[in-house]
Protein backbone atom coordinates (compact mmCIF):
# COMPACT_ATOMS: atom_id res chain seq x y z
CA UNK A 1 -14.80 34.09 -15.17
CA UNK A 2 -13.70 31.07 -17.04
CA UNK A 3 -10.18 30.86 -15.92
CA UNK A 4 -11.52 31.43 -12.39
CA UNK A 5 -13.93 28.49 -12.74
CA UNK A 6 -11.00 26.41 -14.05
CA UNK A 7 -8.49 27.30 -11.47
CA UNK A 8 -11.07 26.63 -8.65
CA UNK A 9 -12.19 23.30 -10.45
CA UNK A 10 -8.63 22.18 -10.52
CA UNK A 11 -7.93 23.11 -6.64
CA UNK A 12 -10.91 21.10 -5.59
CA UNK A 13 -10.33 18.15 -7.56
CA UNK A 14 -7.82 16.66 -5.22
CA UNK A 15 -10.10 17.14 -2.23
CA UNK A 16 -12.95 15.10 -4.12
CA UNK A 17 -10.40 12.30 -4.64
CA UNK A 18 -10.15 12.33 -8.29
CA UNK A 19 -6.49 13.23 -7.71
CA UNK A 20 -4.01 10.27 -8.80
CA UNK A 21 -1.21 8.64 -6.66
CA UNK A 22 2.42 9.77 -7.23
CA UNK A 23 3.04 6.03 -8.02
CA UNK A 24 0.23 5.63 -10.84
CA UNK A 25 2.78 6.24 -13.36
CA UNK A 26 4.17 2.83 -12.70
CA UNK A 27 0.84 1.37 -13.64
CA UNK A 28 1.63 1.78 -17.43
CA UNK A 29 5.10 0.75 -17.55
CA UNK A 30 6.18 -2.36 -19.27
CA UNK A 31 8.51 -3.67 -17.20
CA UNK A 32 6.25 -3.03 -13.84
CA UNK A 33 4.07 -5.67 -12.79
CA UNK A 34 0.78 -4.00 -11.05
CA UNK A 35 -2.30 -5.06 -9.05
CA UNK A 36 -4.74 -2.07 -8.26
CA UNK A 37 -7.68 -2.91 -6.43
CA UNK A 38 -10.47 -0.15 -6.03
CA UNK A 39 -13.20 0.64 -3.61
CA UNK A 40 -15.69 -1.45 -5.75
CA UNK A 41 -13.96 -4.85 -5.81
CA UNK A 42 -12.81 -4.43 -2.02
CA UNK A 43 -16.62 -3.75 -1.32
CA UNK A 44 -17.70 -6.79 -3.50
CA UNK A 45 -15.07 -9.17 -1.74
CA UNK A 46 -16.17 -7.72 1.77
CA UNK A 47 -19.58 -8.51 1.06
CA UNK A 48 -18.93 -12.03 -0.05
CA UNK A 49 -16.58 -12.67 2.99
CA UNK A 50 -19.34 -11.50 4.98
CA UNK A 51 -21.31 -14.49 4.26
CA UNK A 52 -18.66 -16.93 5.75
CA UNK A 53 -18.78 -18.42 9.00
CA UNK A 54 -15.15 -18.54 9.20
CA UNK A 55 -14.04 -15.90 12.08
CA UNK A 56 -10.63 -15.14 10.36
CA UNK A 57 -12.31 -14.73 7.00
CA UNK A 58 -14.61 -12.23 8.69
CA UNK A 59 -11.91 -10.47 10.45
CA UNK A 60 -10.08 -10.16 7.42
CA UNK A 61 -12.84 -8.86 5.73
CA UNK A 62 -13.53 -6.31 8.54
CA UNK A 63 -10.20 -4.65 7.52
CA UNK A 64 -10.79 -4.71 4.25
CA UNK A 65 -14.11 -2.84 4.24
CA UNK A 66 -12.22 0.20 5.72
CA UNK A 67 -9.90 0.19 2.65
CA UNK A 68 -10.26 2.63 -0.34
CA UNK A 69 -7.75 1.09 -2.73
CA UNK A 70 -4.70 -1.07 -2.60
CA UNK A 71 -1.83 -0.57 -5.17
CA UNK A 72 1.06 -2.97 -5.73
CA UNK A 73 3.87 -2.29 -7.95
CA UNK A 74 6.84 -4.81 -8.56
CA UNK A 75 9.84 -4.49 -10.93
CA UNK A 76 12.86 -6.44 -11.64
CA UNK A 77 14.33 -3.61 -13.42
CA UNK A 78 17.20 -1.79 -11.61
CA UNK A 79 16.48 1.72 -13.30
CA UNK A 80 12.63 1.72 -12.51
CA UNK A 81 13.89 0.32 -8.90
CA UNK A 82 16.15 3.49 -8.63
CA UNK A 83 13.18 5.72 -9.97
CA UNK A 84 10.91 3.94 -7.39
CA UNK A 85 12.94 4.71 -4.55
CA UNK A 86 13.52 8.29 -5.54
CA UNK A 87 9.81 8.80 -5.77
CA UNK A 88 9.20 7.22 -2.50
CA UNK A 89 11.69 9.75 -1.00
CA UNK A 90 10.14 12.78 -2.76
CA UNK A 91 6.58 11.58 -1.56
CA UNK A 92 7.73 11.11 1.95
CA UNK A 93 9.15 14.58 2.04
CA UNK A 94 5.60 16.10 0.94
CA UNK A 95 3.45 14.07 2.70
CA UNK A 96 2.67 13.65 6.42
CA UNK A 97 3.77 9.77 6.60
CA UNK A 98 5.91 8.58 9.42
CA UNK A 99 8.11 5.56 9.59
CA UNK A 100 6.29 2.85 11.51
CA UNK A 101 9.13 0.19 11.05
CA UNK A 102 12.23 -0.82 8.96
CA UNK A 103 13.55 -4.49 8.92
CA UNK A 104 17.25 -5.11 7.03
CA UNK A 105 18.09 -8.48 6.43
CA UNK A 106 21.44 -8.40 4.12
CA UNK A 107 20.65 -6.32 1.11
CA UNK A 108 16.69 -6.43 1.62
CA UNK A 109 15.46 -3.43 3.15
CA UNK A 110 11.70 -3.59 4.16
CA UNK A 111 10.20 -0.10 5.32
CA UNK A 112 6.57 0.70 6.33
CA UNK A 113 5.26 4.17 6.69
CA UNK A 114 1.76 5.28 7.90
CA UNK A 115 -0.26 8.50 8.04
CA UNK A 116 -2.46 8.93 11.26
CA UNK A 117 -6.07 8.53 11.15
CA UNK A 118 -8.86 10.25 13.05
CA UNK A 119 -9.01 7.32 15.60
CA UNK A 120 -5.97 6.17 17.89
CA UNK A 121 -4.26 3.00 16.17
CA UNK A 122 -5.93 3.94 12.75
CA UNK A 123 -4.38 5.24 9.77
CA UNK A 124 -5.27 6.78 6.61
CA UNK A 125 -2.43 5.26 4.37
CA UNK A 126 0.21 2.53 5.01
CA UNK A 127 3.09 2.42 2.33
CA UNK A 128 5.68 -0.42 2.42
CA UNK A 129 8.45 -0.38 0.27
CA UNK A 130 10.71 -3.28 -0.21
CA UNK A 131 14.20 -2.90 -1.85
CA UNK A 132 17.26 -5.02 -2.53
CA UNK A 133 15.38 -8.39 -3.19
CA UNK A 134 17.18 -11.22 -5.18
CA UNK A 135 16.14 -14.58 -6.21
CA UNK A 136 12.35 -13.86 -5.37
CA UNK A 137 10.68 -15.43 -8.11
CA UNK A 138 7.03 -14.91 -8.93
CA UNK A 139 4.54 -17.05 -11.41
CA UNK A 140 5.71 -19.72 -13.51
CA UNK A 141 7.76 -17.35 -15.99
CA UNK A 142 10.78 -17.31 -13.48
CA UNK A 143 10.41 -13.58 -13.26
CA UNK A 144 12.36 -12.19 -10.41
CA UNK A 145 11.80 -9.06 -8.35
CA UNK A 146 13.98 -6.26 -7.10
CA UNK A 147 11.62 -3.95 -5.69
CA UNK A 148 8.14 -3.99 -4.43
CA UNK A 149 5.74 -0.95 -3.42
CA UNK A 150 2.70 -1.53 -1.76
CA UNK A 151 0.17 1.55 -1.00
CA UNK A 152 -3.21 1.09 1.22
CA UNK A 153 -5.23 3.74 1.96
CA UNK A 154 -8.55 4.36 3.79
CA UNK A 155 -9.36 3.33 7.14
CA UNK A 156 -6.91 1.14 8.24
CA UNK A 157 -7.13 -0.36 12.08
CA UNK A 158 -3.54 -1.30 13.05
CA UNK A 159 -4.67 -3.56 15.99
CA UNK A 160 -6.67 -5.54 13.20
CA UNK A 161 -3.77 -5.80 10.82
CA UNK A 162 -1.68 -7.08 13.76
CA UNK A 163 -4.10 -9.54 14.83
CA UNK A 164 -4.09 -11.07 11.18
CA UNK A 165 -0.33 -10.91 10.69
CA UNK A 166 0.25 -12.71 14.03
CA UNK A 167 -2.06 -15.63 12.69
CA UNK A 168 0.27 -15.84 9.63
CA UNK A 169 3.38 -17.26 11.28
CA UNK A 170 5.48 -14.28 10.08
CA UNK A 171 8.77 -13.73 11.37
CA UNK A 172 8.74 -11.94 15.06
CA UNK A 173 10.05 -8.40 13.45
CA UNK A 174 7.25 -8.13 11.16
CA UNK A 175 4.66 -9.11 13.78
CA UNK A 176 5.81 -5.71 15.54
CA UNK A 177 4.12 -3.89 12.42
CA UNK A 178 0.95 -4.03 14.55
CA UNK A 179 1.48 -1.00 16.84
CA UNK A 180 3.42 1.87 16.69
């Protein structure tokens, strides 16, 4: 009976949201920078932003309020970059993500993937993978990035993200990310 209970518990844990992302392994690596923002912090920032009279801030907070978490992993290590690339490829084969768009400029590749949501123009996951970066420094320590992996999960309205990116004066190719 205990075995049945353990098997049942292991089967339902992912459904309850306790499963870890395949990318969480990068969080504890020394040669990977990470930023993890969970629902509690997103809710707090959304509440604080809701007090603002600025329309753009409210629009951004409206997008943020639908998010469950944000994960960003960055590395300059070539072997970790190769591992990230392999992990993303493996994840794409097993997940229901579809490519939204890709941009290639010299050696830099930027790819966006999404998982459809319940509503039209809504997605439950947005994955961005950037590889081949060179001479991109972050912080005051002169650290250079080679690969960046960004994962957003929740209820993400692509129209609102598109509206925000249009206001950011990004290159035209990136502004196309607002729709399928």
